């Protein structure tokens, strides 16, 4: 009952640490659950779609194309669920993956996604995401 939430929390920590080796170990354990949501207890709390956690692991491993595809799924799941904080986070993750991938039209889409994520983060008072996006936009 605690396996998936624990693994998702671990994935977020690995994303913070930027440890590619740990990300490579965690990803195959999390991948079978990519279409699901991380739920704690009887639904009292969530850590968003598993796809978001997977995208973090793929970014840490410098696999931007895979991460972009996975964050697209996270965004789709978040929109379908109407979970605005995870819509904002998924947009930010997708924008990061697109910037790193660098294919034609990626930069323009990344800008658009970042602007939407910034607007959502402000409206929802997501101060940490606002800080992260501020650093992201300042570094360009």
C-alpha atoms as a PDB file:
ATOM      1  CA  UNK A   1       0.000   0.000   0.000  1.00  0.00           C
ATOM      2  CA  UNK A   2       2.952   2.312   0.628  1.00  0.00           C
ATOM      3  CA  UNK A   3       5.198   1.124  -2.204  1.00  0.00           C
ATOM      4  CA  UNK A   4       4.087   3.576  -4.893  1.00  0.00           C
ATOM      5  CA  UNK A   5       3.971   6.690  -2.666  1.00  0.00           C
ATOM      6  CA  UNK A   6       7.376   5.792  -1.194  1.00  0.00           C
ATOM      7  CA  UNK A   7       8.865   5.263  -4.627  1.00  0.00           C
ATOM      8  CA  UNK A   8       7.410   8.546  -5.919  1.00  0.00           C
ATOM      9  CA  UNK A   9       8.820  10.421  -2.910  1.00  0.00           C
ATOM     10  CA  UNK A  10      12.175   8.768  -3.616  1.00  0.00           C
ATOM     11  CA  UNK A  11      11.953   9.899  -7.261  1.00  0.00           C
ATOM     12  CA  UNK A  12      11.372  13.495  -6.164  1.00  0.00           C
ATOM     13  CA  UNK A  13      14.370  13.304  -3.821  1.00  0.00           C
ATOM     14  CA  UNK A  14      16.507  11.864  -6.628  1.00  0.00           C
ATOM     15  CA  UNK A  15      15.364  14.748  -8.832  1.00  0.00           C
ATOM     16  CA  UNK A  16      16.475  17.215  -6.146  1.00  0.00           C
ATOM     17  CA  UNK A  17      19.833  15.458  -5.767  1.00  0.00           C
ATOM     18  CA  UNK A  18      20.397  15.102  -9.505  1.00  0.00           C
ATOM     19  CA  UNK A  19      21.725  11.563  -9.030  1.00  0.00           C
ATOM     20  CA  UNK A  20      21.599   9.841 -12.433  1.00  0.00           C
ATOM     21  CA  UNK A  21      22.618   6.426 -11.044  1.00  0.00           C
ATOM     22  CA  UNK A  22      19.792   6.381  -8.500  1.00  0.00           C
ATOM     23  CA  UNK A  23      17.395   7.653 -11.172  1.00  0.00           C
ATOM     24  CA  UNK A  24      18.364   4.736 -13.408  1.00  0.00           C
ATOM     25  CA  UNK A  25      17.617   2.288 -10.598  1.00  0.00           C
ATOM     26  CA  UNK A  26      14.283   3.850  -9.619  1.00  0.00           C
ATOM     27  CA  UNK A  27      12.849   4.363 -13.108  1.00  0.00           C
ATOM     28  CA  UNK A  28      12.144   0.679 -13.959  1.00  0.00           C
ATOM     29  CA  UNK A  29      10.347   0.259 -10.619  1.00  0.00           C
ATOM     30  CA  UNK A  30       8.101   3.264 -11.265  1.00  0.00           C
ATOM     31  CA  UNK A  31       7.547   2.825 -15.029  1.00  0.00           C
ATOM     32  CA  UNK A  32       4.781   0.171 -14.833  1.00  0.00           C
ATOM     33  CA  UNK A  33       2.619   2.684 -12.935  1.00  0.00           C
ATOM     34  CA  UNK A  34       3.042   5.607 -15.375  1.00  0.00           C
ATOM     35  CA  UNK A  35      -0.721   5.972 -16.012  1.00  0.00           C
ATOM     36  CA  UNK A  36      -1.610   6.091 -12.295  1.00  0.00           C
ATOM     37  CA  UNK A  37      -1.720   8.772  -9.600  1.00  0.00           C
ATOM     38  CA  UNK A  38       0.296   8.700  -6.397  1.00  0.00           C
ATOM     39  CA  UNK A  39      -2.205   8.669  -3.522  1.00  0.00           C
ATOM     40  CA  UNK A  40      -1.406   8.565   0.195  1.00  0.00           C
ATOM     41  CA  UNK A  41      -3.741   6.676   2.513  1.00  0.00           C
ATOM     42  CA  UNK A  42      -7.400   6.738   1.536  1.00  0.00           C
ATOM     43  CA  UNK A  43      -6.935   9.635  -0.862  1.00  0.00           C
ATOM     44  CA  UNK A  44      -6.158  12.312   1.714  1.00  0.00           C
ATOM     45  CA  UNK A  45      -3.124  13.494  -0.254  1.00  0.00           C
ATOM     46  CA  UNK A  46      -1.472  13.017  -3.625  1.00  0.00           C
ATOM     47  CA  UNK A  47       1.931  13.548  -5.176  1.00  0.00           C
ATOM     48  CA  UNK A  48       0.408  13.866  -8.631  1.00  0.00           C
ATOM     49  CA  UNK A  49       0.683  11.551 -11.604  1.00  0.00           C
ATOM     50  CA  UNK A  50       3.376   8.894 -11.543  1.00  0.00           C
ATOM     51  CA  UNK A  51       4.345  10.174 -15.003  1.00  0.00           C
ATOM     52  CA  UNK A  52       5.540  13.425 -13.397  1.00  0.00           C
ATOM     53  CA  UNK A  53       7.868  11.507 -11.058  1.00  0.00           C
ATOM     54  CA  UNK A  54       9.117   9.442 -14.011  1.00  0.00           C
ATOM     55  CA  UNK A  55       9.801  12.596 -16.011  1.00  0.00           C
ATOM     56  CA  UNK A  56      11.984  13.880 -13.170  1.00  0.00           C
ATOM     57  CA  UNK A  57      14.012  10.655 -13.224  1.00  0.00           C
ATOM     58  CA  UNK A  58      14.449  10.859 -17.000  1.00  0.00           C
ATOM     59  CA  UNK A  59      15.619  14.482 -16.819  1.00  0.00           C
ATOM     60  CA  UNK A  60      18.233  13.574 -14.207  1.00  0.00           C
ATOM     61  CA  UNK A  61      19.505  10.920 -16.628  1.00  0.00           C
ATOM     62  CA  UNK A  62      19.786  13.551 -19.418  1.00  0.00           C
ATOM     63  CA  UNK A  63      17.064  11.825 -21.461  1.00  0.00           C
ATOM     64  CA  UNK A  64      15.190  14.954 -22.484  1.00  0.00           C
ATOM     65  CA  UNK A  65      13.228  13.359 -25.339  1.00  0.00           C
ATOM     66  CA  UNK A  66      11.872  10.609 -23.052  1.00  0.00           C
ATOM     67  CA  UNK A  67      11.169  13.160 -20.323  1.00  0.00           C
ATOM     68  CA  UNK A  68       9.242  15.376 -22.755  1.00  0.00           C
ATOM     69  CA  UNK A  69       7.027  12.454 -23.747  1.00  0.00           C
ATOM     70  CA  UNK A  70       6.486  11.489 -20.099  1.00  0.00           C
ATOM     71  CA  UNK A  71       5.710  15.046 -18.973  1.00  0.00           C
ATOM     72  CA  UNK A  72       3.192  15.268 -21.864  1.00  0.00           C
ATOM     73  CA  UNK A  73       1.413  12.293 -20.294  1.00  0.00           C
ATOM     74  CA  UNK A  74       1.616  13.895 -16.834  1.00  0.00           C
ATOM     75  CA  UNK A  75       0.106  17.091 -18.245  1.00  0.00           C
ATOM     76  CA  UNK A  76      -2.686  15.181 -19.994  1.00  0.00           C
ATOM     77  CA  UNK A  77      -3.516  13.241 -16.812  1.00  0.00           C
ATOM     78  CA  UNK A  78      -3.433  16.416 -14.708  1.00  0.00           C
ATOM     79  CA  UNK A  79      -5.698  18.301 -17.105  1.00  0.00           C
ATOM     80  CA  UNK A  80      -8.123  15.387 -17.207  1.00  0.00           C
ATOM     81  CA  UNK A  81      -8.200  15.251 -13.402  1.00  0.00           C
ATOM     82  CA  UNK A  82      -8.547  19.039 -13.117  1.00  0.00           C
ATOM     83  CA  UNK A  83      -5.564  19.066 -10.733  1.00  0.00           C
ATOM     84  CA  UNK A  84      -4.232  22.572 -11.319  1.00  0.00           C
ATOM     85  CA  UNK A  85      -1.093  22.353  -9.146  1.00  0.00           C
ATOM     86  CA  UNK A  86       0.021  19.294 -11.123  1.00  0.00           C
ATOM     87  CA  UNK A  87      -0.941  20.968 -14.393  1.00  0.00           C
ATOM     88  CA  UNK A  88       1.435  23.793 -13.427  1.00  0.00           C
ATOM     89  CA  UNK A  89       4.208  21.411 -12.333  1.00  0.00           C
ATOM     90  CA  UNK A  90       3.795  19.242 -15.455  1.00  0.00           C
ATOM     91  CA  UNK A  91       3.951  22.312 -17.701  1.00  0.00           C
ATOM     92  CA  UNK A  92       7.147  23.417 -15.968  1.00  0.00           C
ATOM     93  CA  UNK A  93       8.704  19.954 -16.286  1.00  0.00           C
ATOM     94  CA  UNK A  94       7.698  19.685 -19.932  1.00  0.00           C
ATOM     95  CA  UNK A  95       9.129  23.144 -20.653  1.00  0.00           C
ATOM     96  CA  UNK A  96      12.438  22.110 -19.063  1.00  0.00           C
ATOM     97  CA  UNK A  97      12.533  18.874 -21.067  1.00  0.00           C
ATOM     98  CA  UNK A  98      11.741  20.701 -24.322  1.00  0.00           C
ATOM     99  CA  UNK A  99      14.481  23.275 -23.709  1.00  0.00           C
ATOM    100  CA  UNK A 100      16.972  20.473 -23.122  1.00  0.00           C
ATOM    101  CA  UNK A 101      15.779  18.472 -26.137  1.00  0.00           C
ATOM    102  CA  UNK A 102      16.159  21.501 -28.405  1.00  0.00           C
ATOM    103  CA  UNK A 103      14.214  20.247 -31.440  1.00  0.00           C
ATOM    104  CA  UNK A 104      12.657  22.760 -33.868  1.00  0.00           C
ATOM    105  CA  UNK A 105       9.703  24.548 -32.226  1.00  0.00           C
ATOM    106  CA  UNK A 106      10.705  23.265 -28.752  1.00  0.00           C
ATOM    107  CA  UNK A 107      11.909  26.684 -27.570  1.00  0.00           C
ATOM    108  CA  UNK A 108       8.659  28.423 -28.553  1.00  0.00           C
ATOM    109  CA  UNK A 109       6.515  25.752 -26.894  1.00  0.00           C
ATOM    110  CA  UNK A 110       8.728  25.835 -23.787  1.00  0.00           C
ATOM    111  CA  UNK A 111       8.203  29.614 -23.526  1.00  0.00           C
ATOM    112  CA  UNK A 112       4.442  29.190 -23.837  1.00  0.00           C
ATOM    113  CA  UNK A 113       4.331  26.406 -21.231  1.00  0.00           C
ATOM    114  CA  UNK A 114       6.528  28.395 -18.853  1.00  0.00           C
ATOM    115  CA  UNK A 115       4.258  31.442 -19.124  1.00  0.00           C
ATOM    116  CA  UNK A 116       1.217  29.279 -18.342  1.00  0.00           C
ATOM    117  CA  UNK A 117       3.011  27.606 -15.419  1.00  0.00           C
ATOM    118  CA  UNK A 118       4.080  31.001 -14.026  1.00  0.00           C
ATOM    119  CA  UNK A 119       0.497  32.277 -14.226  1.00  0.00           C
ATOM    120  CA  UNK A 120      -0.839  29.150 -12.508  1.00  0.00           C
ATOM    121  CA  UNK A 121       1.868  29.255  -9.830  1.00  0.00           C
ATOM    122  CA  UNK A 122       1.038  32.880  -9.027  1.00  0.00           C
ATOM    123  CA  UNK A 123      -2.703  32.272  -8.930  1.00  0.00           C
ATOM    124  CA  UNK A 124      -2.329  29.163  -6.759  1.00  0.00           C
ATOM    125  CA  UNK A 125       0.352  30.772  -4.547  1.00  0.00           C
ATOM    126  CA  UNK A 126       2.856  28.021  -5.379  1.00  0.00           C
ATOM    127  CA  UNK A 127       5.871  29.959  -4.092  1.00  0.00           C
ATOM    128  CA  UNK A 128       8.451  27.242  -4.657  1.00  0.00           C
ATOM    129  CA  UNK A 129       7.404  26.742  -8.284  1.00  0.00           C
ATOM    130  CA  UNK A 130       7.440  30.513  -8.764  1.00  0.00           C
ATOM    131  CA  UNK A 131      11.036  30.603  -7.466  1.00  0.00           C
ATOM    132  CA  UNK A 132      12.059  27.688  -9.708  1.00  0.00           C
ATOM    133  CA  UNK A 133      10.467  29.269 -12.762  1.00  0.00           C
ATOM    134  CA  UNK A 134      12.037  32.631 -11.915  1.00  0.00           C
ATOM    135  CA  UNK A 135      15.489  31.032 -11.923  1.00  0.00           C
ATOM    136  CA  UNK A 136      14.641  29.238 -15.148  1.00  0.00           C
ATOM    137  CA  UNK A 137      13.567  32.407 -16.967  1.00  0.00           C
ATOM    138  CA  UNK A 138      16.483  34.439 -15.535  1.00  0.00           C
ATOM    139  CA  UNK A 139      19.066  31.925 -16.807  1.00  0.00           C
ATOM    140  CA  UNK A 140      18.052  32.296 -20.452  1.00  0.00           C
END
